[in-house]
Amino acid sequence: IQSDYLSNKYDQAKNGVERVKYYKLLGSLPSHSLNHCLKIAT
């Protein structure tokens, strides 16, 4: 939800400064795609 919100804000940004801000916020989001993969597989 946070990632999609920031992506929409990034697309709607009117200048490069706002794009950089939202790009950094997107990059600061924690990883979640492979959470608990080892535990579930084991």
PDB file of all heavy atoms in Angstrom:
ATOM      1  N   ILE A   1       0.840  -1.209   0.000  1.00  0.00           N
ATOM      2  CA  ILE A   1       0.000   0.000   0.000  1.00  0.00           C
ATOM      3  C   ILE A   1       0.874   1.257   0.000  1.00  0.00           C
ATOM      4  O   ILE A   1       0.630   2.205  -0.759  1.00  0.00           O
ATOM      5  CB  ILE A   1      -0.952  -0.011   1.219  1.00  0.00           C
ATOM      6  CG1 ILE A   1      -2.009  -1.104   1.041  1.00  0.00           C
ATOM      7  CG2 ILE A   1      -1.613   1.347   1.405  1.00  0.00           C
ATOM      8  CD1 ILE A   1      -2.893  -1.301   2.250  1.00  0.00           C
ATOM      9  N   GLN A   2       1.904   1.255   0.833  1.00  0.00           N
ATOM     10  CA  GLN A   2       2.812   2.401   0.870  1.00  0.00           C
ATOM     11  C   GLN A   2       3.564   2.548  -0.450  1.00  0.00           C
ATOM     12  O   GLN A   2       3.737   3.660  -0.963  1.00  0.00           O
ATOM     13  CB  GLN A   2       3.807   2.245   2.031  1.00  0.00           C
ATOM     14  CG  GLN A   2       3.161   2.248   3.405  1.00  0.00           C
ATOM     15  CD  GLN A   2       4.170   2.008   4.512  1.00  0.00           C
ATOM     16  OE1 GLN A   2       5.359   2.279   4.350  1.00  0.00           O
ATOM     17  NE2 GLN A   2       3.699   1.491   5.630  1.00  0.00           N
ATOM     18  N   SER A   3       3.991   1.407  -1.016  1.00  0.00           N
ATOM     19  CA  SER A   3       4.751   1.455  -2.262  1.00  0.00           C
ATOM     20  C   SER A   3       3.899   1.991  -3.410  1.00  0.00           C
ATOM     21  O   SER A   3       4.357   2.832  -4.192  1.00  0.00           O
ATOM     22  CB  SER A   3       5.274   0.051  -2.593  1.00  0.00           C
ATOM     23  OG  SER A   3       5.946   0.043  -3.835  1.00  0.00           O
ATOM     24  N   ASP A   4       2.661   1.513  -3.508  1.00  0.00           N
ATOM     25  CA  ASP A   4       1.777   1.995  -4.576  1.00  0.00           C
ATOM     26  C   ASP A   4       1.451   3.477  -4.398  1.00  0.00           C
ATOM     27  O   ASP A   4       1.364   4.239  -5.382  1.00  0.00           O
ATOM     28  CB  ASP A   4       0.491   1.174  -4.596  1.00  0.00           C
ATOM     29  CG  ASP A   4       0.713  -0.237  -5.121  1.00  0.00           C
ATOM     30  OD1 ASP A   4       1.839  -0.520  -5.586  1.00  0.00           O
ATOM     31  OD2 ASP A   4      -0.223  -1.057  -5.063  1.00  0.00           O
ATOM     32  N   TYR A   5       1.283   3.903  -3.158  1.00  0.00           N
ATOM     33  CA  TYR A   5       0.998   5.316  -2.899  1.00  0.00           C
ATOM     34  C   TYR A   5       2.174   6.192  -3.330  1.00  0.00           C
ATOM     35  O   TYR A   5       1.994   7.207  -4.010  1.00  0.00           O
ATOM     36  CB  TYR A   5       0.698   5.503  -1.418  1.00  0.00           C
ATOM     37  CG  TYR A   5       0.552   6.950  -1.003  1.00  0.00           C
ATOM     38  CD1 TYR A   5      -0.617   7.653  -1.246  1.00  0.00           C
ATOM     39  CD2 TYR A   5       1.610   7.606  -0.365  1.00  0.00           C
ATOM     40  CE1 TYR A   5      -0.750   8.980  -0.873  1.00  0.00           C
ATOM     41  CE2 TYR A   5       1.493   8.933   0.017  1.00  0.00           C
ATOM     42  CZ  TYR A   5       0.312   9.620  -0.243  1.00  0.00           C
ATOM     43  OH  TYR A   5       0.203  10.937   0.130  1.00  0.00           O
ATOM     44  N   LEU A   6       3.392   5.780  -2.938  1.00  0.00           N
ATOM     45  CA  LEU A   6       4.574   6.569  -3.302  1.00  0.00           C
ATOM     46  C   LEU A   6       4.825   6.524  -4.804  1.00  0.00           C
ATOM     47  O   LEU A   6       5.286   7.516  -5.394  1.00  0.00           O
ATOM     48  CB  LEU A   6       5.803   6.056  -2.546  1.00  0.00           C
ATOM     49  CG  LEU A   6       5.782   6.278  -1.024  1.00  0.00           C
ATOM     50  CD1 LEU A   6       6.975   5.587  -0.364  1.00  0.00           C
ATOM     51  CD2 LEU A   6       5.795   7.766  -0.692  1.00  0.00           C
ATOM     52  N   SER A   7       4.524   5.407  -5.451  1.00  0.00           N
ATOM     53  CA  SER A   7       4.701   5.314  -6.903  1.00  0.00           C
ATOM     54  C   SER A   7       3.758   6.275  -7.616  1.00  0.00           C
ATOM     55  O   SER A   7       4.139   6.927  -8.608  1.00  0.00           O
ATOM     56  CB  SER A   7       4.443   3.877  -7.376  1.00  0.00           C
ATOM     57  OG  SER A   7       5.386   2.990  -6.823  1.00  0.00           O
ATOM     58  N   ASN A   8       2.524   6.359  -7.137  1.00  0.00           N
ATOM     59  CA  ASN A   8       1.578   7.313  -7.725  1.00  0.00           C
ATOM     60  C   ASN A   8       2.036   8.749  -7.513  1.00  0.00           C
ATOM     61  O   ASN A   8       1.930   9.590  -8.426  1.00  0.00           O
ATOM     62  CB  ASN A   8       0.184   7.114  -7.118  1.00  0.00           C
ATOM     63  CG  ASN A   8      -0.455   5.801  -7.553  1.00  0.00           C
ATOM     64  OD1 ASN A   8      -0.159   5.291  -8.636  1.00  0.00           O
ATOM     65  ND2 ASN A   8      -1.321   5.253  -6.721  1.00  0.00           N
ATOM     66  N   LYS A   9       2.554   9.025  -6.323  1.00  0.00           N
ATOM     67  CA  LYS A   9       3.064  10.369  -6.061  1.00  0.00           C
ATOM     68  C   LYS A   9       4.272  10.685  -6.943  1.00  0.00           C
ATOM     69  O   LYS A   9       4.443  11.823  -7.411  1.00  0.00           O
ATOM     70  CB  LYS A   9       3.463  10.488  -4.582  1.00  0.00           C
ATOM     71  CG  LYS A   9       2.279  10.567  -3.630  1.00  0.00           C
ATOM     72  CD  LYS A   9       1.510  11.870  -3.814  1.00  0.00           C
ATOM     73  CE  LYS A   9       0.396  12.014  -2.806  1.00  0.00           C
ATOM     74  NZ  LYS A   9      -0.362  13.289  -3.010  1.00  0.00           N
ATOM     75  N   TYR A  10       5.099   9.667  -7.170  1.00  0.00           N
ATOM     76  CA  TYR A  10       6.271   9.855  -8.030  1.00  0.00           C
ATOM     77  C   TYR A  10       5.835  10.197  -9.466  1.00  0.00           C
ATOM     78  O   TYR A  10       6.406  11.078 -10.116  1.00  0.00           O
ATOM     79  CB  TYR A  10       7.115   8.586  -8.020  1.00  0.00           C
ATOM     80  CG  TYR A  10       8.329   8.633  -8.932  1.00  0.00           C
ATOM     81  CD1 TYR A  10       9.525   9.196  -8.512  1.00  0.00           C
ATOM     82  CD2 TYR A  10       8.257   8.095 -10.221  1.00  0.00           C
ATOM     83  CE1 TYR A  10      10.635   9.242  -9.352  1.00  0.00           C
ATOM     84  CE2 TYR A  10       9.348   8.132 -11.061  1.00  0.00           C
ATOM     85  CZ  TYR A  10      10.541   8.705 -10.625  1.00  0.00           C
ATOM     86  OH  TYR A  10      11.638   8.753 -11.470  1.00  0.00           O
ATOM     87  N   ASP A  11       4.807   9.491  -9.943  1.00  0.00           N
ATOM     88  CA  ASP A  11       4.319   9.752 -11.304  1.00  0.00           C
ATOM     89  C   ASP A  11       3.675  11.140 -11.416  1.00  0.00           C
ATOM     90  O   ASP A  11       3.710  11.770 -12.489  1.00  0.00           O
ATOM     91  CB  ASP A  11       3.308   8.678 -11.716  1.00  0.00           C
ATOM     92  CG  ASP A  11       3.948   7.316 -11.844  1.00  0.00           C
ATOM     93  OD1 ASP A  11       5.186   7.248 -11.996  1.00  0.00           O
ATOM     94  OD2 ASP A  11       3.220   6.306 -11.764  1.00  0.00           O
ATOM     95  N   GLN A  12       3.087  11.611 -10.316  1.00  0.00           N
ATOM     96  CA  GLN A  12       2.393  12.900 -10.352  1.00  0.00           C
ATOM     97  C   GLN A  12       3.300  14.083 -10.000  1.00  0.00           C
ATOM     98  O   GLN A  12       2.835  15.229  -9.999  1.00  0.00           O
ATOM     99  CB  GLN A  12       1.206  12.863  -9.387  1.00  0.00           C
ATOM    100  CG  GLN A  12       0.135  11.836  -9.756  1.00  0.00           C
ATOM    101  CD  GLN A  12      -0.904  11.650  -8.663  1.00  0.00           C
ATOM    102  OE1 GLN A  12      -0.885  12.369  -7.661  1.00  0.00           O
ATOM    103  NE2 GLN A  12      -1.804  10.690  -8.872  1.00  0.00           N
ATOM    104  N   ALA A  13       4.562  13.767  -9.669  1.00  0.00           N
ATOM    105  CA  ALA A  13       5.489  14.847  -9.276  1.00  0.00           C
ATOM    106  C   ALA A  13       5.696  15.824 -10.435  1.00  0.00           C
ATOM    107  O   ALA A  13       5.808  15.427 -11.602  1.00  0.00           O
ATOM    108  CB  ALA A  13       6.814  14.250  -8.829  1.00  0.00           C
ATOM    109  N   LYS A  14       5.762  17.112 -10.079  1.00  0.00           N
ATOM    110  CA  LYS A  14       5.859  18.147 -11.102  1.00  0.00           C
ATOM    111  C   LYS A  14       7.293  18.545 -11.407  1.00  0.00           C
ATOM    112  O   LYS A  14       7.560  19.183 -12.432  1.00  0.00           O
ATOM    113  CB  LYS A  14       5.083  19.388 -10.651  1.00  0.00           C
ATOM    114  CG  LYS A  14       3.588  19.121 -10.496  1.00  0.00           C
ATOM    115  CD  LYS A  14       2.855  20.361 -10.019  1.00  0.00           C
ATOM    116  CE  LYS A  14       1.365  20.069  -9.859  1.00  0.00           C
ATOM    117  NZ  LYS A  14       0.615  21.263  -9.368  1.00  0.00           N
ATOM    118  N   ASN A  15       8.229  18.193 -10.536  1.00  0.00           N
ATOM    119  CA  ASN A  15       9.625  18.557 -10.788  1.00  0.00           C
ATOM    120  C   ASN A  15      10.539  17.442 -10.308  1.00  0.00           C
ATOM    121  O   ASN A  15      10.117  16.489  -9.632  1.00  0.00           O
ATOM    122  CB  ASN A  15       9.975  19.882 -10.103  1.00  0.00           C
ATOM    123  CG  ASN A  15       9.626  19.863  -8.613  1.00  0.00           C
ATOM    124  OD1 ASN A  15      10.075  19.007  -7.879  1.00  0.00           O
ATOM    125  ND2 ASN A  15       8.793  20.821  -8.193  1.00  0.00           N
ATOM    126  N   GLY A  16      11.831  17.603 -10.649  1.00  0.00           N
ATOM    127  CA  GLY A  16      12.815  16.583 -10.316  1.00  0.00           C
ATOM    128  C   GLY A  16      13.056  16.442  -8.835  1.00  0.00           C
ATOM    129  O   GLY A  16      13.356  15.341  -8.340  1.00  0.00           O
ATOM    130  N   VAL A  17      12.932  17.510  -8.084  1.00  0.00           N
ATOM    131  CA  VAL A  17      13.178  17.443  -6.635  1.00  0.00           C
ATOM    132  C   VAL A  17      12.155  16.528  -5.964  1.00  0.00           C
ATOM    133  O   VAL A  17      12.508  15.688  -5.123  1.00  0.00           O
ATOM    134  CB  VAL A  17      13.108  18.864  -6.022  1.00  0.00           C
ATOM    135  CG1 VAL A  17      13.258  18.794  -4.498  1.00  0.00           C
ATOM    136  CG2 VAL A  17      14.188  19.740  -6.613  1.00  0.00           C
ATOM    137  N   GLU A  18      10.875  16.699  -6.349  1.00  0.00           N
ATOM    138  CA  GLU A  18       9.838  15.833  -5.769  1.00  0.00           C
ATOM    139  C   GLU A  18      10.029  14.378  -6.184  1.00  0.00           C
ATOM    140  O   GLU A  18       9.827  13.463  -5.381  1.00  0.00           O
ATOM    141  CB  GLU A  18       8.457  16.321  -6.208  1.00  0.00           C
ATOM    142  CG  GLU A  18       8.030  17.619  -5.567  1.00  0.00           C
ATOM    143  CD  GLU A  18       6.604  17.972  -5.909  1.00  0.00           C
ATOM    144  OE1 GLU A  18       5.965  17.182  -6.643  1.00  0.00           O
ATOM    145  OE2 GLU A  18       6.128  19.009  -5.442  1.00  0.00           O
ATOM    146  N   ARG A  19      10.453  14.179  -7.440  1.00  0.00           N
ATOM    147  CA  ARG A  19      10.690  12.800  -7.900  1.00  0.00           C
ATOM    148  C   ARG A  19      11.800  12.138  -7.095  1.00  0.00           C
ATOM    149  O   ARG A  19      11.710  10.969  -6.721  1.00  0.00           O
ATOM    150  CB  ARG A  19      11.030  12.797  -9.389  1.00  0.00           C
ATOM    151  CG  ARG A  19       9.844  13.053 -10.305  1.00  0.00           C
ATOM    152  CD  ARG A  19      10.205  12.718 -11.742  1.00  0.00           C
ATOM    153  NE  ARG A  19       9.097  12.967 -12.646  1.00  0.00           N
ATOM    154  CZ  ARG A  19       8.902  14.113 -13.277  1.00  0.00           C
ATOM    155  NH1 ARG A  19       9.775  15.114 -13.116  1.00  0.00           N
ATOM    156  NH2 ARG A  19       7.869  14.268 -14.077  1.00  0.00           N
ATOM    157  N   VAL A  20      12.873  12.887  -6.848  1.00  0.00           N
ATOM    158  CA  VAL A  20      13.988  12.342  -6.055  1.00  0.00           C
ATOM    159  C   VAL A  20      13.524  12.006  -4.644  1.00  0.00           C
ATOM    160  O   VAL A  20      13.891  10.972  -4.065  1.00  0.00           O
ATOM    161  CB  VAL A  20      15.162  13.345  -6.019  1.00  0.00           C
ATOM    162  CG1 VAL A  20      16.221  12.887  -5.013  1.00  0.00           C
ATOM    163  CG2 VAL A  20      15.779  13.484  -7.392  1.00  0.00           C
ATOM    164  N   LYS A  21      12.691  12.886  -4.079  1.00  0.00           N
ATOM    165  CA  LYS A  21      12.196  12.644  -2.718  1.00  0.00           C
ATOM    166  C   LYS A  21      11.378  11.350  -2.657  1.00  0.00           C
ATOM    167  O   LYS A  21      11.593  10.499  -1.776  1.00  0.00           O
ATOM    168  CB  LYS A  21      11.339  13.830  -2.268  1.00  0.00           C
ATOM    169  CG  LYS A  21      10.821  13.682  -0.837  1.00  0.00           C
ATOM    170  CD  LYS A  21       9.976  14.868  -0.420  1.00  0.00           C
ATOM    171  CE  LYS A  21       8.638  14.824  -1.140  1.00  0.00           C
ATOM    172  NZ  LYS A  21       7.701  15.859  -0.610  1.00  0.00           N
ATOM    173  N   TYR A  22      10.442  11.208  -3.589  1.00  0.00           N
ATOM    174  CA  TYR A  22       9.609  10.003  -3.581  1.00  0.00           C
ATOM    175  C   TYR A  22      10.405   8.754  -3.973  1.00  0.00           C
ATOM    176  O   TYR A  22      10.116   7.645  -3.509  1.00  0.00           O
ATOM    177  CB  TYR A  22       8.410  10.176  -4.511  1.00  0.00           C
ATOM    178  CG  TYR A  22       7.396  11.163  -3.978  1.00  0.00           C
ATOM    179  CD1 TYR A  22       7.063  12.305  -4.703  1.00  0.00           C
ATOM    180  CD2 TYR A  22       6.784  10.954  -2.751  1.00  0.00           C
ATOM    181  CE1 TYR A  22       6.137  13.220  -4.214  1.00  0.00           C
ATOM    182  CE2 TYR A  22       5.860  11.861  -2.254  1.00  0.00           C
ATOM    183  CZ  TYR A  22       5.544  12.988  -2.977  1.00  0.00           C
ATOM    184  OH  TYR A  22       4.640  13.888  -2.480  1.00  0.00           O
ATOM    185  N   TYR A  23      11.410   8.924  -4.810  1.00  0.00           N
ATOM    186  CA  TYR A  23      12.265   7.787  -5.186  1.00  0.00           C
ATOM    187  C   TYR A  23      13.046   7.282  -3.974  1.00  0.00           C
ATOM    188  O   TYR A  23      13.190   6.070  -3.772  1.00  0.00           O
ATOM    189  CB  TYR A  23      13.217   8.204  -6.306  1.00  0.00           C
ATOM    190  CG  TYR A  23      14.122   7.089  -6.771  1.00  0.00           C
ATOM    191  CD1 TYR A  23      13.654   6.117  -7.646  1.00  0.00           C
ATOM    192  CD2 TYR A  23      15.440   6.994  -6.317  1.00  0.00           C
ATOM    193  CE1 TYR A  23      14.468   5.084  -8.065  1.00  0.00           C
ATOM    194  CE2 TYR A  23      16.258   5.966  -6.731  1.00  0.00           C
ATOM    195  CZ  TYR A  23      15.773   5.009  -7.608  1.00  0.00           C
ATOM    196  OH  TYR A  23      16.592   3.986  -8.021  1.00  0.00           O
ATOM    197  N   LYS A  24      13.553   8.218  -3.174  1.00  0.00           N
ATOM    198  CA  LYS A  24      14.284   7.823  -1.961  1.00  0.00           C
ATOM    199  C   LYS A  24      13.346   7.157  -0.952  1.00  0.00           C
ATOM    200  O   LYS A  24      13.721   6.192  -0.281  1.00  0.00           O
ATOM    201  CB  LYS A  24      14.941   9.048  -1.337  1.00  0.00           C
ATOM    202  CG  LYS A  24      16.141   9.564  -2.106  1.00  0.00           C
ATOM    203  CD  LYS A  24      16.778  10.749  -1.396  1.00  0.00           C
ATOM    204  CE  LYS A  24      18.023  11.237  -2.155  1.00  0.00           C
ATOM    205  NZ  LYS A  24      18.651  12.398  -1.470  1.00  0.00           N
ATOM    206  N   LEU A  25      12.131   7.682  -0.840  1.00  0.00           N
ATOM    207  CA  LEU A  25      11.162   7.057   0.071  1.00  0.00           C
ATOM    208  C   LEU A  25      10.802   5.640  -0.382  1.00  0.00           C
ATOM    209  O   LEU A  25      10.653   4.732   0.450  1.00  0.00           O
ATOM    210  CB  LEU A  25       9.898   7.915   0.141  1.00  0.00           C
ATOM    211  CG  LEU A  25      10.031   9.242   0.887  1.00  0.00           C
ATOM    212  CD1 LEU A  25       8.761  10.062   0.752  1.00  0.00           C
ATOM    213  CD2 LEU A  25      10.338   9.007   2.363  1.00  0.00           C
ATOM    214  N   LEU A  26      10.674   5.462  -1.706  1.00  0.00           N
ATOM    215  CA  LEU A  26      10.436   4.107  -2.229  1.00  0.00           C
ATOM    216  C   LEU A  26      11.590   3.174  -1.910  1.00  0.00           C
ATOM    217  O   LEU A  26      11.401   2.010  -1.546  1.00  0.00           O
ATOM    218  CB  LEU A  26      10.209   4.165  -3.744  1.00  0.00           C
ATOM    219  CG  LEU A  26       8.807   4.522  -4.231  1.00  0.00           C
ATOM    220  CD1 LEU A  26       8.827   4.791  -5.735  1.00  0.00           C
ATOM    221  CD2 LEU A  26       7.832   3.397  -3.921  1.00  0.00           C
ATOM    222  N   GLY A  27      12.799   3.681  -2.059  1.00  0.00           N
ATOM    223  CA  GLY A  27      13.973   2.860  -1.780  1.00  0.00           C
ATOM    224  C   GLY A  27      14.150   2.542  -0.311  1.00  0.00           C
ATOM    225  O   GLY A  27      14.824   1.561   0.043  1.00  0.00           O
ATOM    226  N   SER A  28      13.568   3.356   0.566  1.00  0.00           N
ATOM    227  CA  SER A  28      13.705   3.126   2.011  1.00  0.00           C
ATOM    228  C   SER A  28      12.704   2.105   2.550  1.00  0.00           C
ATOM    229  O   SER A  28      12.802   1.694   3.709  1.00  0.00           O
ATOM    230  CB  SER A  28      13.529   4.444   2.765  1.00  0.00           C
ATOM    231  OG  SER A  28      12.199   4.939   2.597  1.00  0.00           O
ATOM    232  N   LEU A  29      11.721   1.700   1.734  1.00  0.00           N
ATOM    233  CA  LEU A  29      10.750   0.703   2.188  1.00  0.00           C
ATOM    234  C   LEU A  29      11.445  -0.645   2.410  1.00  0.00           C
ATOM    235  O   LEU A  29      12.276  -1.064   1.610  1.00  0.00           O
ATOM    236  CB  LEU A  29       9.624   0.536   1.161  1.00  0.00           C
ATOM    237  CG  LEU A  29       8.666   1.721   0.993  1.00  0.00           C
ATOM    238  CD1 LEU A  29       7.668   1.427  -0.120  1.00  0.00           C
ATOM    239  CD2 LEU A  29       7.933   2.004   2.295  1.00  0.00           C
ATOM    240  N   PRO A  30      11.115  -1.318   3.505  1.00  0.00           N
ATOM    241  CA  PRO A  30      11.783  -2.603   3.794  1.00  0.00           C
ATOM    242  C   PRO A  30      11.403  -3.687   2.792  1.00  0.00           C
ATOM    243  O   PRO A  30      10.335  -3.649   2.183  1.00  0.00           O
ATOM    244  CB  PRO A  30      11.280  -2.946   5.193  1.00  0.00           C
ATOM    245  CG  PRO A  30      10.002  -2.207   5.331  1.00  0.00           C
ATOM    246  CD  PRO A  30      10.133  -0.955   4.533  1.00  0.00           C
ATOM    247  N   SER A  31      12.299  -4.671   2.659  1.00  0.00           N
ATOM    248  CA  SER A  31      12.034  -5.798   1.767  1.00  0.00           C
ATOM    249  C   SER A  31      11.003  -6.731   2.405  1.00  0.00           C
ATOM    250  O   SER A  31      10.991  -6.930   3.620  1.00  0.00           O
ATOM    251  CB  SER A  31      13.331  -6.556   1.488  1.00  0.00           C
ATOM    252  OG  SER A  31      13.084  -7.715   0.733  1.00  0.00           O
ATOM    253  N   HIS A  32      10.149  -7.316   1.600  1.00  0.00           N
ATOM    254  CA  HIS A  32       9.095  -8.184   2.138  1.00  0.00           C
ATOM    255  C   HIS A  32       8.814  -9.387   1.241  1.00  0.00           C
ATOM    256  O   HIS A  32       8.114 -10.316   1.650  1.00  0.00           O
ATOM    257  CB  HIS A  32       7.797  -7.385   2.291  1.00  0.00           C
ATOM    258  CG  HIS A  32       7.216  -6.955   0.979  1.00  0.00           C
ATOM    259  ND1 HIS A  32       6.296  -7.695   0.289  1.00  0.00           N
ATOM    260  CD2 HIS A  32       7.459  -5.869   0.204  1.00  0.00           C
ATOM    261  CE1 HIS A  32       5.976  -7.087  -0.838  1.00  0.00           C
ATOM    262  NE2 HIS A  32       6.658  -5.962  -0.925  1.00  0.00           N
ATOM    263  N   SER A  33       9.337  -9.398   0.040  1.00  0.00           N
ATOM    264  CA  SER A  33       8.956 -10.411  -0.936  1.00  0.00           C
ATOM    265  C   SER A  33       9.331 -11.818  -0.500  1.00  0.00           C
ATOM    266  O   SER A  33       8.586 -12.766  -0.729  1.00  0.00           O
ATOM    267  CB  SER A  33       9.584 -10.099  -2.297  1.00  0.00           C
ATOM    268  OG  SER A  33       9.147 -11.026  -3.266  1.00  0.00           O
ATOM    269  N   LEU A  34      10.496 -11.981   0.152  1.00  0.00           N
ATOM    270  CA  LEU A  34      10.985 -13.318   0.517  1.00  0.00           C
ATOM    271  C   LEU A  34      10.965 -13.554   2.026  1.00  0.00           C
ATOM    272  O   LEU A  34      11.698 -14.417   2.529  1.00  0.00           O
ATOM    273  CB  LEU A  34      12.403 -13.522  -0.030  1.00  0.00           C
ATOM    274  CG  LEU A  34      12.545 -13.463  -1.556  1.00  0.00           C
ATOM    275  CD1 LEU A  34      14.004 -13.585  -1.959  1.00  0.00           C
ATOM    276  CD2 LEU A  34      11.719 -14.556  -2.222  1.00  0.00           C
ATOM    277  N   ASN A  35      10.154 -12.800   2.740  1.00  0.00           N
ATOM    278  CA  ASN A  35      10.085 -12.959   4.196  1.00  0.00           C
ATOM    279  C   ASN A  35       9.685 -14.387   4.579  1.00  0.00           C
ATOM    280  O   ASN A  35       8.759 -14.961   3.999  1.00  0.00           O
ATOM    281  CB  ASN A  35       9.074 -11.976   4.788  1.00  0.00           C
ATOM    282  CG  ASN A  35       9.653 -10.585   4.927  1.00  0.00           C
ATOM    283  OD1 ASN A  35      10.775 -10.326   4.493  1.00  0.00           O
ATOM    284  ND2 ASN A  35       8.881  -9.685   5.515  1.00  0.00           N
ATOM    285  N   HIS A  36      10.400 -14.938   5.563  1.00  0.00           N
ATOM    286  CA  HIS A  36      10.127 -16.271   6.125  1.00  0.00           C
ATOM    287  C   HIS A  36      10.211 -17.385   5.083  1.00  0.00           C
ATOM    288  O   HIS A  36       9.647 -18.473   5.295  1.00  0.00           O
ATOM    289  CB  HIS A  36       8.754 -16.318   6.787  1.00  0.00           C
ATOM    290  CG  HIS A  36       8.612 -15.404   7.963  1.00  0.00           C
ATOM    291  ND1 HIS A  36       9.567 -15.286   8.945  1.00  0.00           N
ATOM    292  CD2 HIS A  36       7.612 -14.549   8.320  1.00  0.00           C
ATOM    293  CE1 HIS A  36       9.181 -14.418   9.858  1.00  0.00           C
ATOM    294  NE2 HIS A  36       7.995 -13.942   9.498  1.00  0.00           N
ATOM    295  N   CYS A  37      10.896 -17.141   3.982  1.00  0.00           N
ATOM    296  CA  CYS A  37      10.980 -18.168   2.928  1.00  0.00           C
ATOM    297  C   CYS A  37      11.662 -19.430   3.444  1.00  0.00           C
ATOM    298  O   CYS A  37      11.189 -20.546   3.211  1.00  0.00           O
ATOM    299  CB  CYS A  37      11.733 -17.602   1.719  1.00  0.00           C
ATOM    300  SG  CYS A  37      11.869 -18.774   0.350  1.00  0.00           S
ATOM    301  N   LEU A  38      12.778 -19.257   4.145  1.00  0.00           N
ATOM    302  CA  LEU A  38      13.518 -20.413   4.663  1.00  0.00           C
ATOM    303  C   LEU A  38      12.677 -21.195   5.675  1.00  0.00           C
ATOM    304  O   LEU A  38      12.658 -22.435   5.655  1.00  0.00           O
ATOM    305  CB  LEU A  38      14.830 -19.947   5.302  1.00  0.00           C
ATOM    306  CG  LEU A  38      15.718 -21.046   5.898  1.00  0.00           C
ATOM    307  CD1 LEU A  38      16.133 -22.039   4.820  1.00  0.00           C
ATOM    308  CD2 LEU A  38      16.945 -20.436   6.574  1.00  0.00           C
ATOM    309  N   LYS A  39      11.973 -20.493   6.561  1.00  0.00           N
ATOM    310  CA  LYS A  39      11.149 -21.162   7.572  1.00  0.00           C
ATOM    311  C   LYS A  39      10.016 -21.951   6.919  1.00  0.00           C
ATOM    312  O   LYS A  39       9.770 -23.111   7.271  1.00  0.00           O
ATOM    313  CB  LYS A  39      10.580 -20.128   8.537  1.00  0.00           C
ATOM    314  CG  LYS A  39      11.626 -19.415   9.382  1.00  0.00           C
ATOM    315  CD  LYS A  39      10.979 -18.367  10.269  1.00  0.00           C
ATOM    316  CE  LYS A  39      12.033 -17.614  11.076  1.00  0.00           C
ATOM    317  NZ  LYS A  39      11.425 -16.535  11.894  1.00  0.00           N
ATOM    318  N   ILE A  40       9.331 -21.313   5.975  1.00  0.00           N
ATOM    319  CA  ILE A  40       8.189 -21.974   5.321  1.00  0.00           C
ATOM    320  C   ILE A  40       8.653 -23.185   4.517  1.00  0.00           C
ATOM    321  O   ILE A  40       8.018 -24.251   4.543  1.00  0.00           O
ATOM    322  CB  ILE A  40       7.436 -20.969   4.429  1.00  0.00           C
ATOM    323  CG1 ILE A  40       6.765 -19.907   5.299  1.00  0.00           C
ATOM    324  CG2 ILE A  40       6.411 -21.667   3.545  1.00  0.00           C
ATOM    325  CD1 ILE A  40       6.096 -18.794   4.527  1.00  0.00           C
ATOM    326  N   ALA A  41       9.774 -23.050   3.811  1.00  0.00           N
ATOM    327  CA  ALA A  41      10.301 -24.173   3.020  1.00  0.00           C
ATOM    328  C   ALA A  41      10.741 -25.319   3.932  1.00  0.00           C
ATOM    329  O   ALA A  41      10.473 -26.500   3.644  1.00  0.00           O
ATOM    330  CB  ALA A  41      11.469 -23.697   2.162  1.00  0.00           C
ATOM    331  N   THR A  42      11.401 -24.984   5.038  1.00  0.00           N
ATOM    332  CA  THR A  42      11.866 -26.018   5.974  1.00  0.00           C
ATOM    333  C   THR A  42      10.695 -26.753   6.607  1.00  0.00           C
ATOM    334  O   THR A  42      10.700 -27.991   6.703  1.00  0.00           O
ATOM    335  CB  THR A  42      12.742 -25.384   7.067  1.00  0.00           C
ATOM    336  OG1 THR A  42      13.851 -24.712   6.463  1.00  0.00           O
ATOM    337  CG2 THR A  42      13.259 -26.436   8.026  1.00  0.00           C
TER     338      THR A  42
END
